Amino acid sequence: MTAGCWFDADRLVLATGTEEWDEEERAALPPGHLGVWSVSGARWLHRSRVAAAEPGVLLLPRGDQVVSLVGHPRLLDTATGRIPAEWPEAGVPAKGTCLALITMP
């Protein structure tokens, strides 16, 4: 997974970038997709290909949509993966990942 955020106490939004993952993760949420997971239902409510944009490493919830911050802010519809709005004039610094594996000695 590349990014994620909580909509509420039950729904989690997850996004994948273009990198390849193992088969189990790929089957759950393929590269370049946005998904809404119900914790109580233990199932995907939505899984959609993100239209023409990498979801980035930071998602901010906005109703049933998320704002993706990569390159410039984009509003993503979590049910369809469409981009209903974007703001290319508002640049966002690049960040490679939101998680890092650190080996402790």
C-alpha atoms as a PDB file:
ATOM      1  CA  MET A   1       0.000   0.000   0.000  1.00  0.00           C
ATOM      2  CA  THR A   2       1.187   3.488  -0.775  1.00  0.00           C
ATOM      3  CA  ALA A   3      -1.200   5.596   1.304  1.00  0.00           C
ATOM      4  CA  GLY A   4      -4.206   5.388   3.558  1.00  0.00           C
ATOM      5  CA  CYS A   5      -6.518   7.323   5.835  1.00  0.00           C
ATOM      6  CA  TRP A   6      -9.633   6.742   7.912  1.00  0.00           C
ATOM      7  CA  PHE A   7     -13.029   8.093   6.777  1.00  0.00           C
ATOM      8  CA  ASP A   8     -14.617   7.190  10.087  1.00  0.00           C
ATOM      9  CA  ALA A   9     -14.406   4.491  12.789  1.00  0.00           C
ATOM     10  CA  ASP A  10     -15.282   1.751  10.274  1.00  0.00           C
ATOM     11  CA  ARG A  11     -14.059   2.784   6.805  1.00  0.00           C
ATOM     12  CA  LEU A  12     -10.420   2.856   5.783  1.00  0.00           C
ATOM     13  CA  VAL A  13      -9.255   4.244   2.428  1.00  0.00           C
ATOM     14  CA  LEU A  14      -6.161   2.599   0.944  1.00  0.00           C
ATOM     15  CA  ALA A  15      -4.258   3.448  -2.231  1.00  0.00           C
ATOM     16  CA  THR A  16      -1.619   1.638  -4.223  1.00  0.00           C
ATOM     17  CA  GLY A  17       0.988   3.171  -6.484  1.00  0.00           C
ATOM     18  CA  THR A  18       2.432   1.702  -9.625  1.00  0.00           C
ATOM     19  CA  GLU A  19       4.933  -0.529  -7.800  1.00  0.00           C
ATOM     20  CA  GLU A  20       4.409  -4.286  -7.867  1.00  0.00           C
ATOM     21  CA  TRP A  21       3.505  -6.181  -4.698  1.00  0.00           C
ATOM     22  CA  ASP A  22       3.171  -9.871  -3.957  1.00  0.00           C
ATOM     23  CA  GLU A  23       0.237 -11.821  -5.454  1.00  0.00           C
ATOM     24  CA  GLU A  24      -1.913 -11.678  -2.299  1.00  0.00           C
ATOM     25  CA  GLU A  25      -1.689  -7.883  -2.053  1.00  0.00           C
ATOM     26  CA  ARG A  26      -2.120  -7.514  -5.823  1.00  0.00           C
ATOM     27  CA  ALA A  27      -5.329  -9.573  -5.683  1.00  0.00           C
ATOM     28  CA  ALA A  28      -6.688  -7.461  -2.813  1.00  0.00           C
ATOM     29  CA  LEU A  29      -5.908  -4.041  -4.315  1.00  0.00           C
ATOM     30  CA  PRO A  30      -3.935  -3.973  -7.593  1.00  0.00           C
ATOM     31  CA  PRO A  31      -1.359  -1.273  -8.407  1.00  0.00           C
ATOM     32  CA  GLY A  32      -2.848   2.136  -9.255  1.00  0.00           C
ATOM     33  CA  HIS A  33      -6.083   1.539  -7.331  1.00  0.00           C
ATOM     34  CA  LEU A  34      -8.027   3.214  -4.557  1.00  0.00           C
ATOM     35  CA  GLY A  35     -10.125   1.097  -2.203  1.00  0.00           C
ATOM     36  CA  VAL A  36     -12.496   1.630   0.709  1.00  0.00           C
ATOM     37  CA  TRP A  37     -12.354  -1.179   3.289  1.00  0.00           C
ATOM     38  CA  SER A  38     -15.089  -1.793   5.868  1.00  0.00           C
ATOM     39  CA  VAL A  39     -13.477  -3.035   9.079  1.00  0.00           C
ATOM     40  CA  SER A  40     -16.762  -4.294  10.590  1.00  0.00           C
ATOM     41  CA  GLY A  41     -17.819  -5.972   7.337  1.00  0.00           C
ATOM     42  CA  ALA A  42     -14.310  -7.272   6.572  1.00  0.00           C
ATOM     43  CA  ARG A  43     -14.838  -6.469   2.885  1.00  0.00           C
ATOM     44  CA  TRP A  44     -14.115  -3.934   0.178  1.00  0.00           C
ATOM     45  CA  LEU A  45     -16.897  -1.380  -0.299  1.00  0.00           C
ATOM     46  CA  HIS A  46     -15.189   0.084  -3.373  1.00  0.00           C
ATOM     47  CA  ARG A  47     -12.096  -0.726  -5.450  1.00  0.00           C
ATOM     48  CA  SER A  48     -11.395   1.508  -8.418  1.00  0.00           C
ATOM     49  CA  ARG A  49      -8.529   2.296 -10.727  1.00  0.00           C
ATOM     50  CA  VAL A  50      -7.246   5.827 -10.066  1.00  0.00           C
ATOM     51  CA  ALA A  51      -7.753   7.805 -13.256  1.00  0.00           C
ATOM     52  CA  ALA A  52      -4.483   9.153 -14.663  1.00  0.00           C
ATOM     53  CA  ALA A  53      -2.781   9.912 -11.349  1.00  0.00           C
ATOM     54  CA  GLU A  54      -0.545   8.254  -8.793  1.00  0.00           C
ATOM     55  CA  PRO A  55      -2.449   8.367  -5.476  1.00  0.00           C
ATOM     56  CA  GLY A  56       0.590   9.676  -3.637  1.00  0.00           C
ATOM     57  CA  VAL A  57       1.669   8.992  -0.081  1.00  0.00           C
ATOM     58  CA  LEU A  58      -0.735  11.257   1.790  1.00  0.00           C
ATOM     59  CA  LEU A  59      -4.522  11.111   1.620  1.00  0.00           C
ATOM     60  CA  LEU A  60      -6.791  13.515   3.476  1.00  0.00           C
ATOM     61  CA  PRO A  61     -10.471  12.582   3.942  1.00  0.00           C
ATOM     62  CA  ARG A  62     -13.156  14.952   2.629  1.00  0.00           C
ATOM     63  CA  GLY A  63     -16.645  13.483   2.966  1.00  0.00           C
ATOM     64  CA  ASP A  64     -16.640  10.365   0.793  1.00  0.00           C
ATOM     65  CA  GLN A  65     -13.700  11.662  -1.219  1.00  0.00           C
ATOM     66  CA  VAL A  66     -10.006  12.072  -0.478  1.00  0.00           C
ATOM     67  CA  VAL A  67      -7.464  14.714  -1.369  1.00  0.00           C
ATOM     68  CA  SER A  68      -4.276  13.199  -2.752  1.00  0.00           C
ATOM     69  CA  LEU A  69      -1.086  15.196  -2.341  1.00  0.00           C
ATOM     70  CA  VAL A  70       1.420  14.200  -5.003  1.00  0.00           C
ATOM     71  CA  GLY A  71       2.763  16.741  -7.490  1.00  0.00           C
ATOM     72  CA  HIS A  72      -0.287  18.902  -6.792  1.00  0.00           C
ATOM     73  CA  PRO A  73      -3.532  18.375  -4.844  1.00  0.00           C
ATOM     74  CA  ARG A  74      -6.195  16.226  -6.507  1.00  0.00           C
ATOM     75  CA  LEU A  75      -9.661  15.370  -5.249  1.00  0.00           C
ATOM     76  CA  LEU A  76     -10.314  11.650  -5.766  1.00  0.00           C
ATOM     77  CA  ASP A  77     -13.746  10.049  -5.808  1.00  0.00           C
ATOM     78  CA  THR A  78     -13.302   6.846  -3.789  1.00  0.00           C
ATOM     79  CA  ALA A  79     -16.210   5.017  -5.465  1.00  0.00           C
ATOM     80  CA  THR A  80     -15.063   5.603  -9.056  1.00  0.00           C
ATOM     81  CA  GLY A  81     -11.394   6.650  -8.935  1.00  0.00           C
ATOM     82  CA  ARG A  82     -12.271   9.771 -10.956  1.00  0.00           C
ATOM     83  CA  ILE A  83     -10.637  13.136 -10.318  1.00  0.00           C
ATOM     84  CA  PRO A  84     -13.487  15.671  -9.947  1.00  0.00           C
ATOM     85  CA  ALA A  85     -11.092  18.545  -9.163  1.00  0.00           C
ATOM     86  CA  GLU A  86      -7.386  19.318  -9.078  1.00  0.00           C
ATOM     87  CA  TRP A  87      -5.202  22.306  -8.367  1.00  0.00           C
ATOM     88  CA  PRO A  88      -2.024  22.151 -10.517  1.00  0.00           C
ATOM     89  CA  GLU A  89      -0.999  25.674  -9.477  1.00  0.00           C
ATOM     90  CA  ALA A  90      -0.515  24.460  -5.874  1.00  0.00           C
ATOM     91  CA  GLY A  91       2.680  22.412  -6.027  1.00  0.00           C
ATOM     92  CA  VAL A  92       3.377  19.738  -3.432  1.00  0.00           C
ATOM     93  CA  PRO A  93       6.969  18.616  -2.714  1.00  0.00           C
ATOM     94  CA  ALA A  94       7.753  15.045  -3.723  1.00  0.00           C
ATOM     95  CA  LYS A  95       8.033  12.403  -1.017  1.00  0.00           C
ATOM     96  CA  GLY A  96       8.914   8.833  -1.875  1.00  0.00           C
ATOM     97  CA  THR A  97       7.003   6.950   0.787  1.00  0.00           C
ATOM     98  CA  CYS A  98       4.930   7.390   3.921  1.00  0.00           C
ATOM     99  CA  LEU A  99       6.363   4.284   5.605  1.00  0.00           C
ATOM    100  CA  ALA A 100       9.914   3.117   5.973  1.00  0.00           C
ATOM    101  CA  LEU A 101      11.500  -0.082   7.148  1.00  0.00           C
ATOM    102  CA  ILE A 102      14.266   0.697   9.587  1.00  0.00           C
ATOM    103  CA  THR A 103      16.556  -2.030  10.816  1.00  0.00           C
ATOM    104  CA  MET A 104      17.622  -1.465  14.394  1.00  0.00           C
ATOM    105  CA  PRO A 105      21.022  -2.800  15.480  1.00  0.00           C
END
